[in-house]
Amino acid sequence: MPVTRFIFTLIAVLFAAAITLWLGALVAASVQMPGLTLMVMVPIALTAFLGLRVALRHNRRD
């Protein structure tokens, strides 16, 4: 992999991570929920997303 492509990829990944953190902070600040509720909702949402992806992938193989 050329160095310029690696650097571009690294910058793109860091930029995407920064945007994700910024949007997450905006959502967390705008929602009036206790911290514990948000801490429970994130793993549930991630688990549901992964389960949906696995189910869709499994159905595509049939």
N, C-alpha and C. Protein backbone atom coordinates (compact mmCIF):
# COMPACT_ATOMS: atom_id res chain seq x y z
N MET A 1 0.86 -1.17 0.00
CA MET A 1 0.00 0.00 0.00
C MET A 1 0.91 1.24 0.00
N PRO A 2 0.68 2.14 -0.92
CA PRO A 2 1.48 3.37 -0.95
C PRO A 2 1.24 4.20 0.31
N VAL A 3 2.24 4.96 0.67
CA VAL A 3 2.17 5.77 1.89
C VAL A 3 1.05 6.81 1.79
N THR A 4 0.87 7.41 0.65
CA THR A 4 -0.17 8.43 0.52
C THR A 4 -1.56 7.83 0.71
N ARG A 5 -1.77 6.64 0.20
CA ARG A 5 -3.07 5.99 0.37
C ARG A 5 -3.29 5.62 1.84
N PHE A 6 -2.25 5.16 2.51
CA PHE A 6 -2.35 4.83 3.92
C PHE A 6 -2.68 6.06 4.74
N ILE A 7 -2.00 7.16 4.46
CA ILE A 7 -2.26 8.40 5.21
C ILE A 7 -3.67 8.90 4.95
N PHE A 8 -4.12 8.84 3.70
CA PHE A 8 -5.49 9.25 3.38
C PHE A 8 -6.51 8.39 4.12
N THR A 9 -6.28 7.08 4.15
CA THR A 9 -7.19 6.17 4.86
C THR A 9 -7.19 6.47 6.35
N LEU A 10 -6.03 6.71 6.91
CA LEU A 10 -5.92 7.03 8.33
C LEU A 10 -6.66 8.32 8.66
N ILE A 11 -6.50 9.33 7.84
CA ILE A 11 -7.19 10.61 8.06
C ILE A 11 -8.70 10.42 7.93
N ALA A 12 -9.14 9.65 6.95
CA ALA A 12 -10.58 9.42 6.77
C ALA A 12 -11.18 8.69 7.97
N VAL A 13 -10.46 7.70 8.49
CA VAL A 13 -10.96 6.95 9.64
C VAL A 13 -11.01 7.84 10.88
N LEU A 14 -9.98 8.64 11.09
CA LEU A 14 -9.98 9.54 12.25
C LEU A 14 -11.09 10.59 12.13
N PHE A 15 -11.32 11.10 10.93
CA PHE A 15 -12.39 12.07 10.72
C PHE A 15 -13.75 11.44 10.98
N ALA A 16 -13.95 10.22 10.51
CA ALA A 16 -15.22 9.54 10.74
C ALA A 16 -15.45 9.27 12.22
N ALA A 17 -14.39 8.90 12.93
CA ALA A 17 -14.51 8.67 14.38
C ALA A 17 -14.85 9.97 15.10
N ALA A 18 -14.22 11.06 14.70
CA ALA A 18 -14.50 12.35 15.33
C ALA A 18 -15.94 12.78 15.09
N ILE A 19 -16.43 12.61 13.87
CA ILE A 19 -17.82 12.97 13.55
C ILE A 19 -18.79 12.11 14.36
N THR A 20 -18.47 10.82 14.49
CA THR A 20 -19.33 9.92 15.26
C THR A 20 -19.39 10.34 16.72
N LEU A 21 -18.25 10.65 17.30
CA LEU A 21 -18.23 11.10 18.69
C LEU A 21 -18.97 12.42 18.86
N TRP A 22 -18.80 13.33 17.92
CA TRP A 22 -19.47 14.62 18.01
C TRP A 22 -20.98 14.46 17.93
N LEU A 23 -21.45 13.65 16.98
CA LEU A 23 -22.90 13.41 16.86
C LEU A 23 -23.45 12.70 18.09
N GLY A 24 -22.69 11.75 18.62
CA GLY A 24 -23.11 11.06 19.84
C GLY A 24 -23.22 12.01 21.01
N ALA A 25 -22.28 12.93 21.12
CA ALA A 25 -22.33 13.92 22.20
C ALA A 25 -23.53 14.85 22.03
N LEU A 26 -23.84 15.23 20.80
CA LEU A 26 -25.01 16.07 20.55
C LEU A 26 -26.30 15.35 20.93
N VAL A 27 -26.41 14.10 20.55
CA VAL A 27 -27.62 13.33 20.88
C VAL A 27 -27.73 13.15 22.39
N ALA A 28 -26.62 12.82 23.03
CA ALA A 28 -26.65 12.61 24.48
C ALA A 28 -27.00 13.90 25.22
N ALA A 29 -26.54 15.03 24.71
CA ALA A 29 -26.84 16.30 25.36
C ALA A 29 -28.28 16.74 25.11
N SER A 30 -28.85 16.36 23.98
CA SER A 30 -30.21 16.81 23.67
C SER A 30 -31.29 15.95 24.30
N VAL A 31 -30.96 14.74 24.69
CA VAL A 31 -31.94 13.84 25.27
C VAL A 31 -31.88 13.95 26.79
N GLN A 32 -33.03 14.15 27.40
CA GLN A 32 -33.08 14.28 28.85
C GLN A 32 -33.37 12.93 29.49
N MET A 33 -32.38 12.06 29.48
CA MET A 33 -32.51 10.74 30.09
C MET A 33 -31.41 10.58 31.13
N PRO A 34 -31.68 9.77 32.13
CA PRO A 34 -30.61 9.47 33.08
C PRO A 34 -29.48 8.74 32.38
N GLY A 35 -28.27 8.88 32.90
CA GLY A 35 -27.11 8.26 32.30
C GLY A 35 -27.21 6.75 32.22
N LEU A 36 -27.83 6.14 33.23
CA LEU A 36 -27.95 4.69 33.24
C LEU A 36 -28.81 4.20 32.08
N THR A 37 -29.84 4.95 31.74
CA THR A 37 -30.70 4.56 30.62
C THR A 37 -29.91 4.53 29.32
N LEU A 38 -29.09 5.56 29.09
CA LEU A 38 -28.28 5.59 27.87
C LEU A 38 -27.26 4.46 27.87
N MET A 39 -26.71 4.14 29.05
CA MET A 39 -25.72 3.06 29.13
C MET A 39 -26.35 1.71 28.83
N VAL A 40 -27.64 1.56 29.08
CA VAL A 40 -28.33 0.31 28.79
C VAL A 40 -28.80 0.28 27.33
N MET A 41 -29.20 1.42 26.81
CA MET A 41 -29.74 1.47 25.45
C MET A 41 -28.68 1.19 24.38
N VAL A 42 -27.46 1.63 24.59
CA VAL A 42 -26.41 1.45 23.58
C VAL A 42 -26.10 -0.02 23.34
N PRO A 43 -25.84 -0.84 24.38
CA PRO A 43 -25.59 -2.26 24.11
C PRO A 43 -26.80 -2.97 23.51
N ILE A 44 -28.01 -2.59 23.92
CA ILE A 44 -29.20 -3.22 23.35
C ILE A 44 -29.32 -2.88 21.87
N ALA A 45 -29.08 -1.62 21.52
CA ALA A 45 -29.15 -1.22 20.11
C ALA A 45 -28.08 -1.92 19.28
N LEU A 46 -26.87 -2.02 19.82
CA LEU A 46 -25.80 -2.71 19.08
C LEU A 46 -26.11 -4.19 18.91
N THR A 47 -26.64 -4.83 19.95
CA THR A 47 -26.99 -6.24 19.85
C THR A 47 -28.10 -6.46 18.83
N ALA A 48 -29.10 -5.58 18.84
CA ALA A 48 -30.18 -5.69 17.87
C ALA A 48 -29.66 -5.50 16.44
N PHE A 49 -28.77 -4.55 16.26
CA PHE A 49 -28.19 -4.31 14.93
C PHE A 49 -27.40 -5.52 14.45
N LEU A 50 -26.57 -6.08 15.33
CA LEU A 50 -25.79 -7.26 14.94
C LEU A 50 -26.70 -8.45 14.66
N GLY A 51 -27.73 -8.63 15.47
CA GLY A 51 -28.67 -9.72 15.24
C GLY A 51 -29.38 -9.57 13.90
N LEU A 52 -29.77 -8.35 13.57
CA LEU A 52 -30.42 -8.10 12.28
C LEU A 52 -29.47 -8.40 11.12
N ARG A 53 -28.23 -7.99 11.26
CA ARG A 53 -27.25 -8.26 10.18
C ARG A 53 -27.03 -9.75 10.00
N VAL A 54 -26.92 -10.48 11.12
CA VAL A 54 -26.72 -11.93 11.03
C VAL A 54 -27.94 -12.59 10.40
N ALA A 55 -29.14 -12.15 10.80
CA ALA A 55 -30.36 -12.74 10.24
C ALA A 55 -30.46 -12.46 8.74
N LEU A 56 -30.16 -11.25 8.33
CA LEU A 56 -30.22 -10.92 6.90
C LEU A 56 -29.17 -11.68 6.11
N ARG A 57 -28.01 -11.84 6.69
CA ARG A 57 -26.95 -12.59 6.01
C ARG A 57 -27.32 -14.06 5.90
N HIS A 58 -27.94 -14.59 6.95
CA HIS A 58 -28.35 -15.99 6.94
C HIS A 58 -29.44 -16.23 5.90
N ASN A 59 -30.38 -15.30 5.79
CA ASN A 59 -31.47 -15.43 4.80
C ASN A 59 -30.95 -15.31 3.38
N ARG A 60 -29.90 -14.55 3.17
CA ARG A 60 -29.35 -14.37 1.83
C ARG A 60 -28.69 -15.65 1.33
N ARG A 61 -28.17 -16.46 2.24
CA ARG A 61 -27.52 -17.71 1.85
C ARG A 61 -28.51 -18.76 1.37
N ASP A 62 -29.75 -18.69 1.83
CA ASP A 62 -30.75 -19.71 1.46
C ASP A 62 -31.17 -19.61 0.03
